[in-house]
Amino acid sequence: TVPSQEKRTEFVRSARAVGVLWAVCTLCFAIIQVVVLVQPSWVGTTDVRHQGAAGPAPPSGTLGLFEVCMQSDWLVPDCRGGLSSLSPLPSFQSVAVLVGVSLWAVWTSVLCLCLFRFCSAATVYKICAWLQLTAGFCLALACLLFPDSWESPEMRALCGDSVSSFSPGNCSVHWAYILALLGVLDAAILATLAFVLANRQDALLEITLCSVSLVLASGSDGTEFALSYHFRRVSLSPC
């Protein structure tokens, strides 16, 4: 009937609009993951002025998974290490591996967007949802292990001898670590949305199958044409 056809059309439009928004947010999440991995701003010294006491001024700088950057007399900080060596700081190797796995999972989900041309939409959404759950789980583990690894020579050189696990001493967490925490929440939201979109695609398939059965029951002269049209819409990809 005409009302059911209009309802189905509106259903398809809303699902496509939400799907495009989900794909854009997935790409943004992948870019955020790259920033979190490469930026040396997970921990940094607090902005405390030296009051002219005896002894040198405390060091000032930031620290990431791959490099430590200390403030110098020049405008450019003095950084040690870097992503080019593909060697994270010894105390944060496990954290870097987890963030790397998370990065791989989310970029794989971005590449899986190309499968919409070859596979059913519900299958692609479910694959991406599980990949995003994996990315969020690995990133959450990295965020938990990172404070536990603070008792390291790099942290002591930057933040003082009062550093211990879950206690940054004279430092504080910086924006890259906070961005990683937000990435965990983002991954959970995107994975949930992907599962919802997959279920909507399954519901859309059920609506199409119902329309086929109605055409079969009608027995009108245009049955053969309508059936071929609907069956083309219902045809599923091999994956």
Protein backbone atom coordinates (compact mmCIF):
# COMPACT_ATOMS: atom_id res chain seq x y z
CA THR A 1 0.00 0.00 0.00
CA VAL A 2 0.96 3.63 -0.38
CA PRO A 3 1.28 4.40 3.39
CA SER A 4 3.55 1.38 3.92
CA GLN A 5 5.69 2.40 0.93
CA GLU A 6 6.04 5.94 2.29
CA LYS A 7 6.96 4.57 5.70
CA ARG A 8 9.60 2.34 4.13
CA THR A 9 11.03 5.27 2.14
CA GLU A 10 11.27 7.42 5.28
CA PHE A 11 12.87 4.48 7.09
CA VAL A 12 15.55 4.20 4.41
CA ARG A 13 16.27 7.94 4.39
CA SER A 14 16.71 8.16 8.15
CA ALA A 15 18.95 5.08 8.21
CA ARG A 16 21.15 6.51 5.47
CA ALA A 17 21.44 9.90 7.20
CA VAL A 18 22.46 8.32 10.50
CA GLY A 19 24.84 5.99 8.64
CA VAL A 20 26.62 8.92 6.97
CA LEU A 21 26.97 10.67 10.34
CA TRP A 22 28.35 7.47 11.87
CA ALA A 23 30.91 7.12 9.04
CA VAL A 24 32.10 10.72 9.47
CA CYS A 25 32.47 10.26 13.23
CA THR A 26 34.38 7.01 12.65
CA LEU A 27 36.86 8.84 10.43
CA CYS A 28 37.26 11.59 13.05
CA PHE A 29 37.87 8.96 15.72
CA ALA A 30 40.59 7.39 13.56
CA ILE A 31 42.32 10.76 13.20
CA ILE A 32 42.09 11.31 16.96
CA GLN A 33 43.78 7.96 17.50
CA VAL A 34 46.76 9.06 15.39
CA VAL A 35 47.07 12.29 17.38
CA VAL A 36 46.92 10.41 20.68
CA LEU A 37 49.69 8.04 19.60
CA VAL A 38 52.20 10.57 18.24
CA GLN A 39 51.79 13.58 20.54
CA PRO A 40 54.25 13.89 23.48
CA SER A 41 51.61 15.50 25.69
CA TRP A 42 50.30 12.69 27.88
CA VAL A 43 51.98 14.13 30.99
CA GLY A 44 53.54 17.54 31.60
CA THR A 45 54.97 19.66 34.37
CA THR A 46 52.64 22.00 36.19
CA ASP A 47 53.12 25.74 35.76
CA VAL A 48 54.79 26.50 39.09
CA ARG A 49 57.17 29.47 39.31
CA HIS A 50 60.58 29.02 40.91
CA GLN A 51 60.76 31.27 43.97
CA GLY A 52 64.49 31.94 43.81
CA ALA A 53 65.39 29.23 46.27
CA ALA A 54 68.81 27.67 46.34
CA GLY A 55 69.46 25.19 43.58
CA PRO A 56 68.51 25.05 39.94
CA ALA A 57 64.98 25.56 38.71
CA PRO A 58 62.93 22.37 38.32
CA PRO A 59 62.71 20.97 34.80
CA SER A 60 59.79 21.85 32.61
CA GLY A 61 58.44 19.80 29.72
CA THR A 62 56.04 17.14 28.49
CA LEU A 63 56.13 13.39 27.98
CA GLY A 64 54.42 11.02 25.57
CA LEU A 65 54.65 7.37 24.65
CA PHE A 66 57.58 7.82 22.27
CA GLU A 67 59.46 10.95 23.35
CA VAL A 68 60.25 13.36 26.17
CA CYS A 69 60.39 17.08 25.39
CA MET A 70 62.15 19.48 27.78
CA GLN A 71 61.86 23.25 27.62
CA SER A 72 65.05 25.01 26.58
CA ASP A 73 66.25 28.57 26.11
CA TRP A 74 65.19 28.33 22.49
CA LEU A 75 61.62 28.45 21.22
CA VAL A 76 61.82 24.82 20.09
CA PRO A 77 61.80 22.27 22.96
CA ASP A 78 64.59 19.73 23.26
CA CYS A 79 62.97 16.35 22.48
CA ARG A 80 64.47 12.90 22.96
CA GLY A 81 63.06 9.92 21.09
CA GLY A 82 60.30 10.06 18.53
CA LEU A 83 57.89 8.02 16.45
CA SER A 84 60.41 7.80 13.59
CA SER A 85 62.47 5.28 15.55
CA LEU A 86 59.37 3.11 16.15
CA SER A 87 60.68 2.53 19.66
CA PRO A 88 58.47 3.73 22.53
CA LEU A 89 59.89 4.71 25.88
CA PRO A 90 60.86 1.55 27.80
CA SER A 91 58.35 2.13 30.59
CA PHE A 92 55.44 2.67 28.19
CA GLN A 93 55.99 -0.13 25.66
CA SER A 94 52.86 -2.06 26.67
CA VAL A 95 50.80 1.14 26.55
CA ALA A 96 52.13 1.97 23.10
CA VAL A 97 51.32 -1.54 21.83
CA LEU A 98 47.74 -1.28 23.09
CA VAL A 99 47.27 2.14 21.49
CA GLY A 100 48.78 0.75 18.27
CA VAL A 101 46.32 -2.17 18.24
CA SER A 102 43.49 0.27 18.88
CA LEU A 103 44.72 2.43 16.02
CA TRP A 104 44.85 -0.60 13.70
CA ALA A 105 41.32 -1.65 14.64
CA VAL A 106 39.73 1.74 14.07
CA TRP A 107 41.49 2.32 10.73
CA THR A 108 40.46 -1.17 9.63
CA SER A 109 36.87 -0.18 10.38
CA VAL A 110 37.37 2.91 8.20
CA LEU A 111 38.63 0.75 5.34
CA CYS A 112 35.66 -1.58 5.81
CA LEU A 113 33.40 1.29 4.72
CA CYS A 114 34.38 0.35 1.16
CA LEU A 115 32.59 -2.99 1.64
CA PHE A 116 29.20 -1.27 1.41
CA ARG A 117 29.47 -1.67 -2.37
CA PHE A 118 29.99 -5.43 -2.17
CA CYS A 119 28.35 -6.69 1.04
CA SER A 120 25.05 -6.20 2.81
CA ALA A 121 24.93 -3.09 4.97
CA ALA A 122 24.03 -5.04 8.11
CA THR A 123 27.15 -7.22 7.74
CA VAL A 124 29.43 -4.21 7.29
CA TYR A 125 27.94 -2.41 10.31
CA LYS A 126 28.46 -5.48 12.51
CA ILE A 127 32.09 -5.91 11.38
CA CYS A 128 32.82 -2.23 12.08
CA ALA A 129 31.04 -2.41 15.44
CA TRP A 130 33.24 -5.29 16.66
CA LEU A 131 36.36 -3.53 15.40
CA GLN A 132 35.37 -0.34 17.22
CA LEU A 133 34.68 -2.31 20.40
CA THR A 134 38.17 -3.81 20.10
CA ALA A 135 39.66 -0.34 19.61
CA GLY A 136 37.84 1.03 22.63
CA PHE A 137 38.80 -1.93 24.83
CA CYS A 138 42.51 -1.66 23.94
CA LEU A 139 42.48 2.11 24.43
CA ALA A 140 40.79 1.72 27.82
CA LEU A 141 43.48 -0.77 28.90
CA ALA A 142 46.17 1.67 27.73
CA CYS A 143 44.62 4.48 29.77
CA LEU A 144 44.61 2.22 32.85
CA LEU A 145 48.18 0.95 32.41
CA PHE A 146 49.68 4.37 31.71
CA PRO A 147 49.39 5.75 35.29
CA ASP A 148 50.65 2.42 36.63
CA SER A 149 53.87 2.94 34.62
CA TRP A 150 54.70 6.37 36.00
CA GLU A 151 57.38 5.05 38.36
CA SER A 152 60.04 5.20 35.65
CA PRO A 153 63.35 7.03 35.07
CA GLU A 154 61.79 9.30 32.43
CA MET A 155 59.00 10.37 34.78
CA ARG A 156 61.40 10.90 37.69
CA ALA A 157 63.68 13.07 35.57
CA LEU A 158 60.74 15.24 34.53
CA CYS A 159 58.43 15.20 37.55
CA GLY A 160 60.74 14.70 40.51
CA ASP A 161 61.48 11.86 42.93
CA SER A 162 57.97 11.96 44.41
CA VAL A 163 56.61 10.15 41.36
CA SER A 164 54.94 6.79 41.96
CA SER A 165 52.24 4.68 40.36
CA PHE A 166 49.08 6.77 39.92
CA SER A 167 50.90 9.77 41.45
CA PRO A 168 52.57 12.08 38.89
CA GLY A 169 54.56 14.08 41.43
CA ASN A 170 55.19 17.60 40.14
CA CYS A 171 53.40 16.83 36.86
CA SER A 172 49.81 16.46 35.73
CA VAL A 173 48.02 14.71 32.90
CA HIS A 174 47.85 16.74 29.69
CA TRP A 175 45.42 16.93 26.81
CA ALA A 176 46.61 13.85 24.89
CA TYR A 177 45.74 11.54 27.80
CA ILE A 178 42.38 13.26 28.22
CA LEU A 179 41.79 12.85 24.49
CA ALA A 180 42.52 9.14 24.86
CA LEU A 181 39.90 8.88 27.62
CA LEU A 182 37.38 10.63 25.39
CA GLY A 183 38.33 8.20 22.63
CA VAL A 184 37.19 5.29 24.81
CA LEU A 185 33.78 6.90 25.19
CA ASP A 186 33.69 7.70 21.48
CA ALA A 187 34.44 4.08 20.56
CA ALA A 188 31.65 2.81 22.81
CA ILE A 189 29.13 5.23 21.27
CA LEU A 190 30.17 4.44 17.69
CA ALA A 191 30.04 0.66 18.27
CA THR A 192 26.59 0.91 19.84
CA LEU A 193 25.35 3.04 16.97
CA ALA A 194 26.76 0.54 14.46
CA PHE A 195 24.87 -2.32 16.10
CA VAL A 196 21.67 -0.25 16.06
CA LEU A 197 22.14 0.53 12.36
CA ALA A 198 22.71 -3.17 11.64
CA ASN A 199 19.44 -4.02 13.36
CA ARG A 200 17.66 -1.33 11.35
CA GLN A 201 19.00 -2.87 8.16
CA ASP A 202 17.64 -6.26 9.24
CA ALA A 203 14.27 -4.66 9.95
CA LEU A 204 14.35 -3.00 6.52
CA LEU A 205 14.95 -6.42 4.93
CA GLU A 206 11.94 -7.83 6.78
CA ILE A 207 9.77 -4.99 5.46
CA THR A 208 10.91 -5.72 1.91
CA LEU A 209 10.18 -9.44 2.29
CA CYS A 210 6.70 -8.63 3.57
CA SER A 211 6.06 -6.49 0.48
CA VAL A 212 7.08 -9.45 -1.71
CA SER A 213 4.59 -11.73 0.03
CA LEU A 214 1.84 -9.15 -0.42
CA VAL A 215 2.50 -8.96 -4.15
CA LEU A 216 2.32 -12.76 -4.34
CA ALA A 217 -1.08 -12.74 -2.69
CA SER A 218 -2.48 -10.07 -5.01
CA GLY A 219 -2.21 -12.13 -8.19
CA SER A 220 -2.58 -9.07 -10.46
CA ASP A 221 -1.25 -8.75 -14.00
CA GLY A 222 1.77 -6.84 -12.83
CA THR A 223 2.86 -9.49 -10.34
CA GLU A 224 5.81 -10.78 -12.35
CA PHE A 225 7.31 -7.29 -12.81
CA ALA A 226 6.79 -6.34 -9.14
CA LEU A 227 8.32 -9.59 -7.95
CA SER A 228 11.45 -9.16 -10.03
CA TYR A 229 11.80 -5.59 -8.76
CA HIS A 230 11.48 -6.55 -5.11
CA PHE A 231 13.72 -9.57 -5.39
CA ARG A 232 16.47 -7.38 -6.80
CA ARG A 233 16.14 -5.17 -3.74
CA VAL A 234 16.26 -8.18 -1.40
CA SER A 235 19.25 -9.90 -3.03
CA LEU A 236 22.10 -10.35 -0.57
CA SER A 237 25.83 -10.29 -1.20
CA PRO A 238 27.80 -13.48 -0.59
CA CYS A 239 29.48 -12.07 2.53
